[in-house]
Amino acid sequence: MSKALKDAEETQAAVPLAATPHFGGRIRELRRKGDLTLQQLADQAGISVGFLSQVERGKATPSLGTLAAIADALGVEIDWFVATPKPADSVTRAGERELFSLGDGSLSYERLNTVLPGGTLSSVIVHIPVGYSSELTAHTGEELIVVLEGTLRQTLGESIFTLNAGDSFHFMGDTPHSFANVGDRPVRLLWTGNTPRLIGRTPEQP
């Protein structure tokens, strides 16, 4: 064996293998959030339902191509399952987050959550102008809000709560709910939840 080949093999051996991603549970969670059965997802990905079941339970490992097909059927990128984020990528800085809004809506948002493969948590700071009242809505998912500034009226079912700075409210989104700024100054609200409406392909999607 030549010295160059031997050195190359020793160098390769010295490189540690990345930890095997535990994507079976991530696939199952996204499938259930999308209201897909094992059979439906298997059909869309072009694999057998038995093999998909084994993948979800960690009993089988798909090829990269098959994993890409599963990811596409679930509406996410393959990095959702295999990427390992750097710790620094988990940080957002006060004053550096861009404000965004939906169309011509009067609410504006700062996104706090970062790109975390397999993650299902979304978090934003919501800026609510004086006099704003939201529509009544209900959806799957869990929500937690903390009022940072201002006075908020939160409705949940038949109950109405007045929340001031420092107050929090934790609830399930399938109960009809709405909110309104009832104070004389804008409200800043920290919202965190796992509602599927805020989980998409990229962090740029609202």
C-alpha atoms as a PDB file:
ATOM      1  CA  MET A   1       0.000   0.000   0.000  1.00  0.00           C
ATOM      2  CA  SER A   2       1.326   3.407  -0.957  1.00  0.00           C
ATOM      3  CA  LYS A   3       2.018   5.959   1.772  1.00  0.00           C
ATOM      4  CA  ALA A   4      -0.500   8.404   0.202  1.00  0.00           C
ATOM      5  CA  LEU A   5      -3.289   5.804   0.230  1.00  0.00           C
ATOM      6  CA  LYS A   6      -2.435   4.792   3.785  1.00  0.00           C
ATOM      7  CA  ASP A   7      -2.508   8.439   4.911  1.00  0.00           C
ATOM      8  CA  ALA A   8      -5.878   8.945   3.201  1.00  0.00           C
ATOM      9  CA  GLU A   9      -7.379   5.915   4.942  1.00  0.00           C
ATOM     10  CA  GLU A  10      -6.054   7.042   8.315  1.00  0.00           C
ATOM     11  CA  THR A  11      -7.489  10.526   7.742  1.00  0.00           C
ATOM     12  CA  GLN A  12     -10.875   9.087   6.809  1.00  0.00           C
ATOM     13  CA  ALA A  13     -10.868   6.821   9.846  1.00  0.00           C
ATOM     14  CA  ALA A  14     -10.170   9.811  12.069  1.00  0.00           C
ATOM     15  CA  VAL A  15     -13.332  11.630  10.934  1.00  0.00           C
ATOM     16  CA  PRO A  16     -16.149  10.748  13.350  1.00  0.00           C
ATOM     17  CA  LEU A  17     -19.440   9.625  11.879  1.00  0.00           C
ATOM     18  CA  ALA A  18     -22.397  11.892  12.532  1.00  0.00           C
ATOM     19  CA  ALA A  19     -25.015  10.542  14.880  1.00  0.00           C
ATOM     20  CA  THR A  20     -27.795   8.621  13.162  1.00  0.00           C
ATOM     21  CA  PRO A  21     -30.866  10.870  12.933  1.00  0.00           C
ATOM     22  CA  HIS A  22     -33.903   9.607  14.836  1.00  0.00           C
ATOM     23  CA  PHE A  23     -36.372  10.518  12.109  1.00  0.00           C
ATOM     24  CA  GLY A  24     -38.948   7.749  12.627  1.00  0.00           C
ATOM     25  CA  GLY A  25     -40.745   9.657  15.338  1.00  0.00           C
ATOM     26  CA  ARG A  26     -40.544  12.868  13.310  1.00  0.00           C
ATOM     27  CA  ILE A  27     -42.197  11.156  10.341  1.00  0.00           C
ATOM     28  CA  ARG A  28     -44.976   9.760  12.534  1.00  0.00           C
ATOM     29  CA  GLU A  29     -45.612  13.129  14.183  1.00  0.00           C
ATOM     30  CA  LEU A  30     -45.824  15.010  10.883  1.00  0.00           C
ATOM     31  CA  ARG A  31     -48.035  12.284   9.381  1.00  0.00           C
ATOM     32  CA  ARG A  32     -50.475  12.538  12.265  1.00  0.00           C
ATOM     33  CA  LYS A  33     -50.479  16.333  12.135  1.00  0.00           C
ATOM     34  CA  GLY A  34     -51.379  16.039   8.464  1.00  0.00           C
ATOM     35  CA  ASP A  35     -54.213  13.584   9.246  1.00  0.00           C
ATOM     36  CA  LEU A  36     -52.600  10.950   7.028  1.00  0.00           C
ATOM     37  CA  THR A  37     -52.882   7.237   7.626  1.00  0.00           C
ATOM     38  CA  LEU A  38     -49.871   4.981   7.206  1.00  0.00           C
ATOM     39  CA  GLN A  39     -51.400   3.699   3.976  1.00  0.00           C
ATOM     40  CA  GLN A  40     -51.981   7.178   2.562  1.00  0.00           C
ATOM     41  CA  LEU A  41     -48.442   8.332   3.255  1.00  0.00           C
ATOM     42  CA  ALA A  42     -46.972   5.090   1.946  1.00  0.00           C
ATOM     43  CA  ASP A  43     -48.974   5.431  -1.279  1.00  0.00           C
ATOM     44  CA  GLN A  44     -47.856   9.040  -1.776  1.00  0.00           C
ATOM     45  CA  ALA A  45     -44.216   8.136  -1.114  1.00  0.00           C
ATOM     46  CA  GLY A  46     -44.344   5.040  -3.319  1.00  0.00           C
ATOM     47  CA  ILE A  47     -43.346   2.555  -0.618  1.00  0.00           C
ATOM     48  CA  SER A  48     -45.080  -0.300   1.172  1.00  0.00           C
ATOM     49  CA  VAL A  49     -47.101   0.430   4.296  1.00  0.00           C
ATOM     50  CA  GLY A  50     -45.214  -2.295   6.146  1.00  0.00           C
ATOM     51  CA  PHE A  51     -41.850  -0.685   5.411  1.00  0.00           C
ATOM     52  CA  LEU A  52     -43.141   2.759   6.428  1.00  0.00           C
ATOM     53  CA  SER A  53     -44.392   1.326   9.702  1.00  0.00           C
ATOM     54  CA  GLN A  54     -40.961  -0.139  10.378  1.00  0.00           C
ATOM     55  CA  VAL A  55     -39.280   3.191   9.596  1.00  0.00           C
ATOM     56  CA  GLU A  56     -41.557   5.043  12.018  1.00  0.00           C
ATOM     57  CA  ARG A  57     -40.771   2.513  14.748  1.00  0.00           C
ATOM     58  CA  GLY A  58     -37.026   2.690  14.105  1.00  0.00           C
ATOM     59  CA  LYS A  59     -36.912  -0.900  12.845  1.00  0.00           C
ATOM     60  CA  ALA A  60     -35.825  -0.049   9.296  1.00  0.00           C
ATOM     61  CA  THR A  61     -33.676   2.616   7.647  1.00  0.00           C
ATOM     62  CA  PRO A  62     -34.799   4.061   4.299  1.00  0.00           C
ATOM     63  CA  SER A  63     -32.441   5.065   1.539  1.00  0.00           C
ATOM     64  CA  LEU A  64     -31.875   8.783   1.054  1.00  0.00           C
ATOM     65  CA  GLY A  65     -34.108   8.687  -2.022  1.00  0.00           C
ATOM     66  CA  THR A  66     -36.948   7.052  -0.113  1.00  0.00           C
ATOM     67  CA  LEU A  67     -36.573   9.517   2.748  1.00  0.00           C
ATOM     68  CA  ALA A  68     -36.760  12.355   0.214  1.00  0.00           C
ATOM     69  CA  ALA A  69     -39.993  10.872  -1.169  1.00  0.00           C
ATOM     70  CA  ILE A  70     -41.456  10.665   2.343  1.00  0.00           C
ATOM     71  CA  ALA A  71     -40.421  14.251   3.042  1.00  0.00           C
ATOM     72  CA  ASP A  72     -42.012  15.439  -0.201  1.00  0.00           C
ATOM     73  CA  ALA A  73     -45.257  13.638   0.635  1.00  0.00           C
ATOM     74  CA  LEU A  74     -45.288  15.362   4.031  1.00  0.00           C
ATOM     75  CA  GLY A  75     -44.608  18.779   2.503  1.00  0.00           C
ATOM     76  CA  VAL A  76     -41.207  19.363   4.120  1.00  0.00           C
ATOM     77  CA  GLU A  77     -37.597  19.361   2.967  1.00  0.00           C
ATOM     78  CA  ILE A  78     -35.417  16.324   3.621  1.00  0.00           C
ATOM     79  CA  ASP A  79     -33.278  18.478   5.944  1.00  0.00           C
ATOM     80  CA  TRP A  80     -36.244  18.362   8.327  1.00  0.00           C
ATOM     81  CA  PHE A  81     -35.112  14.823   9.154  1.00  0.00           C
ATOM     82  CA  VAL A  82     -31.357  14.699   8.641  1.00  0.00           C
ATOM     83  CA  ALA A  83     -29.854  18.150   9.260  1.00  0.00           C
ATOM     84  CA  THR A  84     -28.103  18.909  12.527  1.00  0.00           C
ATOM     85  CA  PRO A  85     -28.314  22.625  13.338  1.00  0.00           C
ATOM     86  CA  LYS A  86     -25.384  24.486  14.844  1.00  0.00           C
ATOM     87  CA  PRO A  87     -25.969  25.928  18.325  1.00  0.00           C
ATOM     88  CA  ALA A  88     -25.376  29.436  16.981  1.00  0.00           C
ATOM     89  CA  ASP A  89     -28.218  28.932  14.485  1.00  0.00           C
ATOM     90  CA  SER A  90     -30.658  28.710  17.407  1.00  0.00           C
ATOM     91  CA  VAL A  91     -30.160  32.349  18.433  1.00  0.00           C
ATOM     92  CA  THR A  92     -32.212  35.375  17.362  1.00  0.00           C
ATOM     93  CA  ARG A  93     -31.148  38.845  18.494  1.00  0.00           C
ATOM     94  CA  ALA A  94     -33.332  41.622  19.865  1.00  0.00           C
ATOM     95  CA  GLY A  95     -33.369  44.522  17.453  1.00  0.00           C
ATOM     96  CA  GLU A  96     -32.207  42.343  14.538  1.00  0.00           C
ATOM     97  CA  ARG A  97     -35.426  40.425  13.830  1.00  0.00           C
ATOM     98  CA  GLU A  98     -37.393  41.701  10.844  1.00  0.00           C
ATOM     99  CA  LEU A  99     -41.031  42.670  11.293  1.00  0.00           C
ATOM    100  CA  PHE A 100     -43.457  41.034   8.873  1.00  0.00           C
ATOM    101  CA  SER A 101     -47.203  41.164   8.368  1.00  0.00           C
ATOM    102  CA  LEU A 102     -49.777  39.167   6.423  1.00  0.00           C
ATOM    103  CA  GLY A 103     -50.905  41.156   3.405  1.00  0.00           C
ATOM    104  CA  ASP A 104     -52.375  44.489   4.471  1.00  0.00           C
ATOM    105  CA  GLY A 105     -53.097  43.247   8.003  1.00  0.00           C
ATOM    106  CA  SER A 106     -52.573  45.625  10.904  1.00  0.00           C
ATOM    107  CA  LEU A 107     -50.812  43.013  13.043  1.00  0.00           C
ATOM    108  CA  SER A 108     -47.047  42.679  12.734  1.00  0.00           C
ATOM    109  CA  TYR A 109     -44.808  39.868  13.898  1.00  0.00           C
ATOM    110  CA  GLU A 110     -41.234  39.039  14.894  1.00  0.00           C
ATOM    111  CA  ARG A 111     -40.308  35.388  14.373  1.00  0.00           C
ATOM    112  CA  LEU A 112     -38.445  33.846  17.307  1.00  0.00           C
ATOM    113  CA  ASN A 113     -38.224  30.183  16.325  1.00  0.00           C
ATOM    114  CA  THR A 114     -35.371  29.104  14.089  1.00  0.00           C
ATOM    115  CA  VAL A 115     -34.830  26.287  11.585  1.00  0.00           C
ATOM    116  CA  LEU A 116     -34.850  23.209  13.774  1.00  0.00           C
ATOM    117  CA  PRO A 117     -35.179  19.947  11.813  1.00  0.00           C
ATOM    118  CA  GLY A 118     -38.032  17.926  13.267  1.00  0.00           C
ATOM    119  CA  GLY A 119     -39.166  20.821  15.413  1.00  0.00           C
ATOM    120  CA  THR A 120     -42.889  21.546  15.754  1.00  0.00           C
ATOM    121  CA  LEU A 121     -42.759  24.645  17.933  1.00  0.00           C
ATOM    122  CA  SER A 122     -43.450  28.122  16.567  1.00  0.00           C
ATOM    123  CA  SER A 123     -42.924  31.363  18.457  1.00  0.00           C
ATOM    124  CA  VAL A 124     -43.487  34.993  17.527  1.00  0.00           C
ATOM    125  CA  ILE A 125     -43.780  38.389  19.164  1.00  0.00           C
ATOM    126  CA  VAL A 126     -47.068  39.899  18.015  1.00  0.00           C
ATOM    127  CA  HIS A 127     -47.523  43.683  17.810  1.00  0.00           C
ATOM    128  CA  ILE A 128     -51.217  44.539  18.235  1.00  0.00           C
ATOM    129  CA  PRO A 129     -52.383  48.123  17.565  1.00  0.00           C
ATOM    130  CA  VAL A 130     -54.856  49.973  19.778  1.00  0.00           C
ATOM    131  CA  GLY A 131     -58.463  49.008  19.046  1.00  0.00           C
ATOM    132  CA  TYR A 132     -57.641  45.808  17.155  1.00  0.00           C
ATOM    133  CA  SER A 133     -59.992  42.819  17.593  1.00  0.00           C
ATOM    134  CA  SER A 134     -59.255  39.426  16.047  1.00  0.00           C
ATOM    135  CA  GLU A 135     -61.678  37.032  14.418  1.00  0.00           C
ATOM    136  CA  LEU A 136     -63.009  34.048  16.359  1.00  0.00           C
ATOM    137  CA  THR A 137     -61.032  30.929  15.460  1.00  0.00           C
ATOM    138  CA  ALA A 138     -60.527  27.309  16.491  1.00  0.00           C
ATOM    139  CA  HIS A 139     -57.885  24.807  15.340  1.00  0.00           C
ATOM    140  CA  THR A 140     -55.788  21.927  16.585  1.00  0.00           C
ATOM    141  CA  GLY A 141     -52.685  22.689  18.611  1.00  0.00           C
ATOM    142  CA  GLU A 142     -51.549  24.055  21.938  1.00  0.00           C
ATOM    143  CA  GLU A 143     -50.893  27.738  22.597  1.00  0.00           C
ATOM    144  CA  LEU A 144     -49.169  29.797  25.295  1.00  0.00           C
ATOM    145  CA  ILE A 145     -49.180  33.595  25.337  1.00  0.00           C
ATOM    146  CA  VAL A 146     -47.413  36.096  27.573  1.00  0.00           C
ATOM    147  CA  VAL A 147     -48.357  39.780  27.507  1.00  0.00           C
ATOM    148  CA  LEU A 148     -45.153  41.828  27.356  1.00  0.00           C
ATOM    149  CA  GLU A 149     -46.749  45.280  27.119  1.00  0.00           C
ATOM    150  CA  GLY A 150     -50.280  46.659  27.137  1.00  0.00           C
ATOM    151  CA  THR A 151     -53.695  45.250  28.034  1.00  0.00           C
ATOM    152  CA  LEU A 152     -55.280  42.328  26.172  1.00  0.00           C
ATOM    153  CA  ARG A 153     -58.779  40.903  26.341  1.00  0.00           C
ATOM    154  CA  GLN A 154     -58.634  37.161  25.687  1.00  0.00           C
ATOM    155  CA  THR A 155     -61.782  35.170  24.969  1.00  0.00           C
ATOM    156  CA  LEU A 156     -61.837  31.377  25.286  1.00  0.00           C
ATOM    157  CA  GLY A 157     -65.185  29.708  24.765  1.00  0.00           C
ATOM    158  CA  GLU A 158     -67.646  31.537  27.020  1.00  0.00           C
ATOM    159  CA  SER A 159     -64.918  32.956  29.271  1.00  0.00           C
ATOM    160  CA  ILE A 160     -63.312  36.406  28.999  1.00  0.00           C
ATOM    161  CA  PHE A 161     -60.005  37.349  30.629  1.00  0.00           C
ATOM    162  CA  THR A 162     -58.189  40.659  30.927  1.00  0.00           C
ATOM    163  CA  LEU A 163     -54.427  40.187  30.716  1.00  0.00           C
ATOM    164  CA  ASN A 164     -51.851  42.830  31.600  1.00  0.00           C
ATOM    165  CA  ALA A 165     -48.079  42.960  31.192  1.00  0.00           C
ATOM    166  CA  GLY A 166     -46.529  39.866  32.771  1.00  0.00           C
ATOM    167  CA  ASP A 167     -49.727  37.782  32.638  1.00  0.00           C
ATOM    168  CA  SER A 168     -49.780  34.506  30.690  1.00  0.00           C
ATOM    169  CA  PHE A 169     -52.496  32.288  29.223  1.00  0.00           C
ATOM    170  CA  HIS A 170     -52.140  28.605  28.245  1.00  0.00           C
ATOM    171  CA  PHE A 171     -54.877  26.835  26.300  1.00  0.00           C
ATOM    172  CA  MET A 172     -55.787  24.319  23.611  1.00  0.00           C
ATOM    173  CA  GLY A 173     -56.620  25.880  20.268  1.00  0.00           C
ATOM    174  CA  ASP A 174     -59.624  23.666  19.514  1.00  0.00           C
ATOM    175  CA  THR A 175     -61.741  25.840  21.847  1.00  0.00           C
ATOM    176  CA  PRO A 176     -63.017  28.907  19.940  1.00  0.00           C
ATOM    177  CA  HIS A 177     -60.929  31.928  20.935  1.00  0.00           C
ATOM    178  CA  SER A 178     -60.191  35.530  20.033  1.00  0.00           C
ATOM    179  CA  PHE A 179     -58.298  38.524  21.400  1.00  0.00           C
ATOM    180  CA  ALA A 180     -58.469  42.306  21.398  1.00  0.00           C
ATOM    181  CA  ASN A 181     -56.313  45.240  22.438  1.00  0.00           C
ATOM    182  CA  VAL A 182     -58.548  47.057  24.953  1.00  0.00           C
ATOM    183  CA  GLY A 183     -55.891  49.436  26.275  1.00  0.00           C
ATOM    184  CA  ASP A 184     -54.636  52.843  25.180  1.00  0.00           C
ATOM    185  CA  ARG A 185     -51.261  51.641  23.926  1.00  0.00           C
ATOM    186  CA  PRO A 186     -50.035  48.927  21.521  1.00  0.00           C
ATOM    187  CA  VAL A 187     -49.798  45.399  22.885  1.00  0.00           C
ATOM    188  CA  ARG A 188     -46.654  43.297  22.557  1.00  0.00           C
ATOM    189  CA  LEU A 189     -47.468  39.642  22.939  1.00  0.00           C
ATOM    190  CA  LEU A 190     -45.219  36.586  23.055  1.00  0.00           C
ATOM    191  CA  TRP A 191     -47.022  33.705  21.345  1.00  0.00           C
ATOM    192  CA  THR A 192     -45.722  30.132  21.396  1.00  0.00           C
ATOM    193  CA  GLY A 193     -47.486  27.045  20.139  1.00  0.00           C
ATOM    194  CA  ASN A 194     -47.480  23.992  17.929  1.00  0.00           C
ATOM    195  CA  THR A 195     -50.499  24.731  15.778  1.00  0.00           C
ATOM    196  CA  PRO A 196     -49.970  23.124  12.332  1.00  0.00           C
ATOM    197  CA  ARG A 197     -50.896  26.402  10.619  1.00  0.00           C
ATOM    198  CA  LEU A 198     -47.501  27.851  11.526  1.00  0.00           C
ATOM    199  CA  ILE A 199     -45.446  24.799  10.605  1.00  0.00           C
ATOM    200  CA  GLY A 200     -44.332  24.825   6.975  1.00  0.00           C
ATOM    201  CA  ARG A 201     -41.474  24.189   4.606  1.00  0.00           C
ATOM    202  CA  THR A 202     -39.344  27.185   5.524  1.00  0.00           C
ATOM    203  CA  PRO A 203     -39.164  29.772   8.273  1.00  0.00           C
ATOM    204  CA  GLU A 204     -40.174  32.451   5.755  1.00  0.00           C
ATOM    205  CA  GLN A 205     -43.677  31.010   5.533  1.00  0.00           C
ATOM    206  CA  PRO A 206     -46.119  32.609   8.047  1.00  0.00           C
END
